[in-house]
C-alpha atoms as a PDB file:
ATOM      1  CA  MET A   1       0.000   0.000   0.000  1.00  0.00           C
ATOM      2  CA  PHE A   2       2.557   2.550   1.122  1.00  0.00           C
ATOM      3  CA  ASP A   3       6.153   2.231   0.087  1.00  0.00           C
ATOM      4  CA  VAL A   4       7.758   3.222   3.391  1.00  0.00           C
ATOM      5  CA  GLY A   5      11.234   1.992   4.161  1.00  0.00           C
ATOM      6  CA  PHE A   6      13.003   1.526   7.453  1.00  0.00           C
ATOM      7  CA  SER A   7      14.688   4.929   7.350  1.00  0.00           C
ATOM      8  CA  GLU A   8      11.335   6.671   6.860  1.00  0.00           C
ATOM      9  CA  LEU A   9       9.858   4.776   9.804  1.00  0.00           C
ATOM     10  CA  VAL A  10      12.792   5.787  12.005  1.00  0.00           C
ATOM     11  CA  LEU A  11      12.360   9.420  10.971  1.00  0.00           C
ATOM     12  CA  ILE A  12       8.637   9.295  11.786  1.00  0.00           C
ATOM     13  CA  ALA A  13       9.362   7.694  15.166  1.00  0.00           C
ATOM     14  CA  VAL A  14      11.968  10.330  16.054  1.00  0.00           C
ATOM     15  CA  LEU A  15       9.632  13.153  15.034  1.00  0.00           C
ATOM     16  CA  ALA A  16       6.795  11.638  17.069  1.00  0.00           C
ATOM     17  CA  LEU A  17       9.088  11.322  20.080  1.00  0.00           C
ATOM     18  CA  VAL A  18      10.221  14.952  19.768  1.00  0.00           C
ATOM     19  CA  ILE A  19       6.719  16.331  19.179  1.00  0.00           C
ATOM     20  CA  ALA A  20       4.745  14.228  21.685  1.00  0.00           C
ATOM     21  CA  GLY A  21       7.427  13.576  24.258  1.00  0.00           C
ATOM     22  CA  PRO A  22       8.312  10.271  25.873  1.00  0.00           C
ATOM     23  CA  GLU A  23       5.476  10.491  28.417  1.00  0.00           C
ATOM     24  CA  ARG A  24       2.618  10.788  25.917  1.00  0.00           C
ATOM     25  CA  LEU A  25       4.036   8.676  23.074  1.00  0.00           C
ATOM     26  CA  PRO A  26       2.925   5.247  24.399  1.00  0.00           C
ATOM     27  CA  GLY A  27      -0.661   6.456  24.788  1.00  0.00           C
ATOM     28  CA  ILE A  28      -0.639   7.956  21.321  1.00  0.00           C
ATOM     29  CA  MET A  29       0.710   4.730  19.839  1.00  0.00           C
ATOM     30  CA  ARG A  30      -1.994   2.695  21.634  1.00  0.00           C
ATOM     31  CA  THR A  31      -4.672   5.005  20.254  1.00  0.00           C
ATOM     32  CA  LEU A  32      -3.244   4.775  16.744  1.00  0.00           C
ATOM     33  CA  GLY A  33      -3.117   0.991  17.049  1.00  0.00           C
ATOM     34  CA  ARG A  34      -6.768   0.854  18.064  1.00  0.00           C
ATOM     35  CA  LEU A  35      -7.765   3.157  15.213  1.00  0.00           C
ATOM     36  CA  ALA A  36      -5.796   1.051  12.738  1.00  0.00           C
ATOM     37  CA  GLY A  37      -7.504  -2.094  14.030  1.00  0.00           C
ATOM     38  CA  ARG A  38     -10.928  -0.528  13.683  1.00  0.00           C
ATOM     39  CA  ALA A  39     -10.087   0.660  10.180  1.00  0.00           C
ATOM     40  CA  ARG A  40      -8.975  -2.835   9.174  1.00  0.00           C
ATOM     41  CA  ALA A  41     -12.148  -4.356  10.602  1.00  0.00           C
ATOM     42  CA  THR A  42     -14.292  -1.815   8.770  1.00  0.00           C
ATOM     43  CA  VAL A  43     -12.498  -2.484   5.499  1.00  0.00           C
ATOM     44  CA  ALA A  44     -12.953  -6.231   5.983  1.00  0.00           C
ATOM     45  CA  VAL A  45     -16.693  -5.800   6.565  1.00  0.00           C
ATOM     46  CA  LEU A  46     -17.047  -3.519   3.557  1.00  0.00           C
ATOM     47  CA  ARG A  47     -15.083  -5.932   1.370  1.00  0.00           C
ATOM     48  CA  THR A  48     -17.275  -8.835   2.452  1.00  0.00           C
ATOM     49  CA  GLU A  49     -20.470  -6.880   1.794  1.00  0.00           C
ATOM     50  CA  LEU A  50     -19.214  -5.732  -1.603  1.00  0.00           C
ATOM     51  CA  GLU A  51     -18.267  -9.267  -2.622  1.00  0.00           C
ATOM     52  CA  ARG A  52     -21.670 -10.516  -1.482  1.00  0.00           C
ATOM     53  CA  GLU A  53     -23.477  -7.838  -3.500  1.00  0.00           C
ATOM     54  CA  VAL A  54     -21.389  -8.570  -6.598  1.00  0.00           C
ATOM     55  CA  GLU A  55     -22.206 -12.252  -6.252  1.00  0.00           C
ATOM     56  CA  ARG A  56     -25.937 -11.476  -5.909  1.00  0.00           C
ATOM     57  CA  ALA A  57     -25.817  -9.218  -8.960  1.00  0.00           C
ATOM     58  CA  GLU A  58     -24.113 -11.947 -10.982  1.00  0.00           C
ATOM     59  CA  GLN A  59     -26.731 -14.469  -9.858  1.00  0.00           C
ATOM     60  CA  ARG A  60     -29.535 -12.098 -10.857  1.00  0.00           C
ATOM     61  CA  LYS A  61     -27.846 -11.483 -14.198  1.00  0.00           C
ATOM     62  CA  ASP A  62     -27.454 -15.219 -14.801  1.00  0.00           C
ATOM     63  CA  ALA A  63     -31.062 -15.853 -13.809  1.00  0.00           C
ATOM     64  CA  GLY A  64     -32.211 -13.093 -16.160  1.00  0.00           C
ATOM     65  CA  GLU A  65     -30.209 -14.500 -19.062  1.00  0.00           C
ATOM     66  CA  GLY A  66     -31.737 -17.936 -18.488  1.00  0.00           C
ATOM     67  CA  ASP A  67     -35.246 -16.477 -18.655  1.00  0.00           C
ATOM     68  CA  ASP A  68     -34.420 -14.526 -21.823  1.00  0.00           C
ATOM     69  CA  ARG A  69     -33.258 -17.634 -23.680  1.00  0.00           C
ATOM     70  CA  ASP A  70     -36.495 -19.465 -22.979  1.00  0.00           C
ATOM     71  CA  GLY A  71     -38.680 -16.537 -24.013  1.00  0.00           C
ATOM     72  CA  ASP A  72     -39.541 -15.372 -27.469  1.00  0.00           C
ATOM     73  CA  GLY A  73     -37.387 -12.219 -27.259  1.00  0.00           C
END
């Protein structure tokens, strides 16, 4: 998804440490971890629902094509 190397991660960590301070950084990281987990769960649910809807649409399309072949149109 993102092309972030080790040096970029170290730079981000150092900046976070300088900006937030060592006292607040663990709490911030926990919060970010929770948010990332929720985002992943939401994406998984959305992906599942989308796949289900695509499958239903394909089934309806296939059922419609079967009816069309038997008809006079």
